[in-house]
Every structure is written in structure tokens, then in C-alpha cells.
Amino acid sequence: MYSGAEFVGDEELISGDEELISGWAGADYVGDDPDVQRLLAMGAAAARGKALPGRRVATAQARLGLWKRHYLPLNLTSGTTVAAGATGTLQNNPQRLFKPSRLVIPSDVAGLFSVLNIFIGVKPQLVATGGMPARLFSEASFDTDFEGDTAQISQAVSVQVTNNSLGTSPIQGAMRGLTVM
């Protein structure tokens, strides 16, 4: 299946990254909808400079556009201090569309905290409620990538944490994810 990616120099230009732009769940799955596959194919052909007959080409170009994809970090409220046994929230509001793929909590404090939930806006990104060790998300952990929903511009991206230590502790974190321009 054609993904719509074109490589120009060091930049990857994408045509029709519908899952990021509209918040679809499947990054590699377009589905069996022939209309979506046809629009993606027309948008990809138009991006390569191939002329397709008819007005549909202009419609496909206008609908899909040509986007530049970046993997960038999003800082989550640095300087947050959480009292012993209390719950705190790490949060930021990205100024571009942002689809998170990894949460990173520094390993020097990860052992003191549990992650209760990850939210995009008000929508939870975990399968079930309940705490999990924050060490799962330390920079030293592996295979902890996830595919979150797309946060719209200025929509809150937040992580709820609980301090499991016997004293007040600072925490910070970041997310890595896909953005488009």
C-alpha cells in the first residue's frame, strides 16, 4: 500500500496523512474504503507532479494538502512539586497538531511516582484506570511507545501522577510525538 511519502533532500514530505490530520487511529491502515484509497492515490500522484485528468485532482490536493512531518518533543510542566501521597498533573498545550508516541519521565524521579492516566483533552489514552510505575516511562525503558490521539492546537496534553514516596518530590516529563506543518 502506498503511504504517500516523498523524500526531498533531508525532509520527508507527506501527502494525505489522514490519520494525523483527522485523528484516525491506524497509522499504517487506511481501510477498505475505496474513496479514501482513491483520494490518497490522487494526492500522492499530484505531489509527485503527475497530471491526472479532471477536477478531482484539485479537490484531492485541496483536501489532502502537502504536509511536512516532524518528530518533536513536548515539555510537560517542569518544576511541578507533588506532596507525599498526593496527585499532580504534568501538562502543556501544543501549538501545532501533536500525536504523542512516547512519554518520558526522568529515571532519577521515576521510582518515586506512579502514572495514573494520560489525557489528550479530556479523553484518556490508557486502556484502563489505575496506577502503573512511572519507571515504565523512564528514558532507559524500551518498547514503551504508544499511539495517542491527535491533540488539536492548544488542546491540553496531560499526565496524572501520584507521589508514592514519604516526602515532597519534584517531577518533570516530556512527550515525543508527530507534528505537521
Protein backbone atom coordinates (compact mmCIF):
# COMPACT_ATOMS: atom_id res chain seq x y z
CA MET A 1 0.00 0.00 0.00
CA TYR A 2 1.34 3.46 -0.88
CA SER A 3 1.88 5.68 2.15
CA GLY A 4 2.12 8.95 0.24
CA ALA A 5 5.67 9.71 1.37
CA GLU A 6 8.13 11.52 -0.88
CA PHE A 7 11.73 12.22 0.07
CA VAL A 8 13.16 15.58 -1.00
CA GLY A 9 16.64 16.25 0.34
CA ASP A 10 16.61 15.71 4.09
CA GLU A 11 12.89 16.39 4.53
CA GLU A 12 10.10 13.88 4.28
CA LEU A 13 7.06 15.39 2.62
CA ILE A 14 3.81 13.55 3.07
CA SER A 15 0.64 13.77 1.12
CA GLY A 16 -2.60 12.71 2.73
CA ASP A 17 -1.50 11.81 6.24
CA GLU A 18 -5.17 11.46 7.12
CA GLU A 19 -4.57 9.63 10.41
CA LEU A 20 -2.62 12.53 11.87
CA ILE A 21 -4.65 15.36 10.44
CA SER A 22 -8.07 13.95 11.27
CA GLY A 23 -7.06 11.85 14.29
CA TRP A 24 -7.59 8.41 12.76
CA ALA A 25 -6.31 5.57 14.93
CA GLY A 26 -4.37 3.45 12.41
CA ALA A 27 -1.05 4.90 11.30
CA ASP A 28 -0.50 2.29 8.55
CA TYR A 29 -4.09 1.26 7.97
CA VAL A 30 -6.22 3.18 5.51
CA GLY A 31 -9.03 0.68 5.45
CA ASP A 32 -11.01 -0.82 2.64
CA ASP A 33 -12.84 2.37 1.75
CA PRO A 34 -12.17 2.80 -2.00
CA ASP A 35 -12.90 6.54 -1.87
CA VAL A 36 -10.21 7.13 0.75
CA GLN A 37 -7.70 4.98 -1.15
CA ARG A 38 -8.51 6.82 -4.41
CA LEU A 39 -8.05 10.25 -2.77
CA LEU A 40 -4.75 9.18 -1.23
CA ALA A 41 -3.51 7.84 -4.57
CA MET A 42 -4.56 11.03 -6.39
CA GLY A 43 -2.94 13.21 -3.73
CA ALA A 44 0.28 11.19 -3.92
CA ALA A 45 0.33 11.35 -7.73
CA ALA A 46 -0.28 15.10 -7.61
CA ALA A 47 2.55 15.51 -5.09
CA ARG A 48 4.89 13.67 -7.47
CA GLY A 49 3.91 16.10 -10.22
CA LYS A 50 1.95 13.64 -12.34
CA ALA A 51 -1.02 15.19 -14.05
CA LEU A 52 -4.32 13.43 -13.56
CA PRO A 53 -7.29 14.47 -15.68
CA GLY A 54 -10.29 16.29 -14.32
CA ARG A 55 -11.31 18.50 -11.48
CA ARG A 56 -10.81 15.71 -8.93
CA VAL A 57 -7.08 16.41 -8.78
CA ALA A 58 -7.59 19.95 -7.48
CA THR A 59 -10.16 18.66 -5.00
CA ALA A 60 -7.78 15.97 -3.75
CA GLN A 61 -4.92 18.45 -3.44
CA ALA A 62 -7.10 20.91 -1.53
CA ARG A 63 -8.43 18.20 0.78
CA LEU A 64 -5.18 16.36 1.45
CA GLY A 65 -2.59 19.10 1.08
CA LEU A 66 1.14 18.61 1.24
CA TRP A 67 2.48 18.43 4.79
CA LYS A 68 5.93 18.28 6.33
CA ARG A 69 6.15 15.73 9.16
CA HIS A 70 8.36 16.24 12.25
CA TYR A 71 9.02 14.18 15.37
CA LEU A 72 9.37 16.74 18.14
CA PRO A 73 9.33 16.76 21.94
CA LEU A 74 6.66 18.44 24.05
CA ASN A 75 7.76 19.54 27.50
CA LEU A 76 5.30 18.82 30.30
CA THR A 77 5.20 21.43 33.09
CA SER A 78 8.69 21.47 34.53
CA GLY A 79 9.07 22.48 38.15
CA THR A 80 5.95 20.68 39.40
CA THR A 81 6.30 19.54 43.02
CA VAL A 82 3.99 16.86 44.41
CA ALA A 83 3.49 16.26 48.15
CA ALA A 84 3.83 12.77 49.62
CA GLY A 85 0.82 10.63 48.70
CA ALA A 86 -0.71 13.42 46.59
CA THR A 87 -1.61 13.52 42.91
CA GLY A 88 -0.15 16.05 40.48
CA THR A 89 -0.60 16.85 36.81
CA LEU A 90 2.05 17.44 34.17
CA GLN A 91 0.52 19.41 31.29
CA ASN A 92 1.15 21.51 28.22
CA ASN A 93 -0.88 22.85 25.28
CA PRO A 94 0.93 22.24 21.97
CA GLN A 95 0.72 24.99 19.36
CA ARG A 96 0.64 22.53 16.45
CA LEU A 97 -1.26 19.31 15.82
CA PHE A 98 0.52 16.77 18.03
CA LYS A 99 0.18 12.99 18.08
CA PRO A 100 2.14 11.62 21.07
CA SER A 101 4.09 8.41 20.72
CA ARG A 102 6.24 8.27 23.88
CA LEU A 103 6.14 9.63 27.42
CA VAL A 104 9.49 10.18 29.14
CA ILE A 105 9.87 10.69 32.91
CA PRO A 106 13.47 11.07 34.13
CA SER A 107 14.75 7.90 35.81
CA ASP A 108 16.07 9.81 38.84
CA VAL A 109 12.48 10.51 40.00
CA ALA A 110 10.53 7.80 38.14
CA GLY A 111 10.90 5.36 41.04
CA LEU A 112 9.02 7.74 43.33
CA PHE A 113 5.91 8.10 41.15
CA SER A 114 3.07 6.19 39.54
CA VAL A 115 1.34 7.28 36.34
CA LEU A 116 -2.42 7.27 36.83
CA ASN A 117 -3.57 8.41 33.41
CA ILE A 118 -2.58 10.18 30.21
CA PHE A 119 -5.10 12.56 28.64
CA ILE A 120 -5.50 14.32 25.30
CA GLY A 121 -8.04 16.98 26.16
CA VAL A 122 -10.47 15.05 28.37
CA LYS A 123 -10.03 11.73 26.58
CA PRO A 124 -8.00 9.08 28.47
CA GLN A 125 -5.24 7.37 26.47
CA LEU A 126 -4.89 4.26 28.64
CA VAL A 127 -6.92 1.08 28.33
CA ALA A 128 -7.96 1.02 31.99
CA THR A 129 -7.75 3.22 35.06
CA GLY A 130 -5.26 2.64 37.85
CA GLY A 131 -1.65 3.42 38.56
CA MET A 132 1.39 1.96 36.85
CA PRO A 133 5.03 2.50 37.77
CA ALA A 134 6.49 5.65 36.24
CA ARG A 135 9.68 3.66 35.63
CA LEU A 136 7.85 2.14 32.69
CA PHE A 137 8.26 5.58 31.04
CA SER A 138 11.86 6.39 32.02
CA GLU A 139 14.41 7.27 29.34
CA ALA A 140 16.11 3.93 29.99
CA SER A 141 12.98 1.87 29.27
CA PHE A 142 12.37 0.33 25.88
CA ASP A 143 9.30 -0.76 23.90
CA THR A 144 7.16 1.80 25.73
CA ASP A 145 5.94 3.62 22.63
CA PHE A 146 2.22 4.16 22.29
CA GLU A 147 -0.05 5.79 19.77
CA GLY A 148 -2.11 8.54 21.34
CA ASP A 149 -4.94 10.51 19.82
CA THR A 150 -4.08 13.69 17.94
CA ALA A 151 -4.15 16.79 20.13
CA GLN A 152 -5.61 19.77 18.31
CA ILE A 153 -3.88 23.15 18.52
CA SER A 154 -3.95 24.43 22.15
CA GLN A 155 -5.69 21.28 23.42
CA ALA A 156 -4.30 20.11 26.76
CA VAL A 157 -1.96 17.12 26.84
CA SER A 158 -1.65 15.97 30.44
CA VAL A 159 -0.30 13.17 32.61
CA GLN A 160 -1.64 12.49 36.12
CA VAL A 161 0.97 11.17 38.57
CA THR A 162 0.94 10.13 42.22
CA ASN A 163 3.89 10.61 44.57
CA ASN A 164 4.48 7.27 46.33
CA SER A 165 7.42 8.50 48.43
CA LEU A 166 7.38 9.68 52.03
CA GLY A 167 8.28 13.27 51.14
CA THR A 168 7.56 16.05 48.70
CA SER A 169 9.25 15.48 45.36
CA PRO A 170 9.65 17.46 42.13
CA ILE A 171 8.77 15.84 38.81
CA GLN A 172 9.03 16.77 35.17
CA GLY A 173 8.43 14.95 31.95
CA ALA A 174 8.17 15.21 28.18
CA MET A 175 6.42 13.53 25.29
CA ARG A 176 7.78 12.75 21.87
CA GLY A 177 5.37 12.79 19.00
CA LEU A 178 4.48 13.59 15.44
CA THR A 179 3.62 17.11 14.33
CA VAL A 180 2.81 18.53 10.91
CA MET A 181 3.41 21.96 9.39
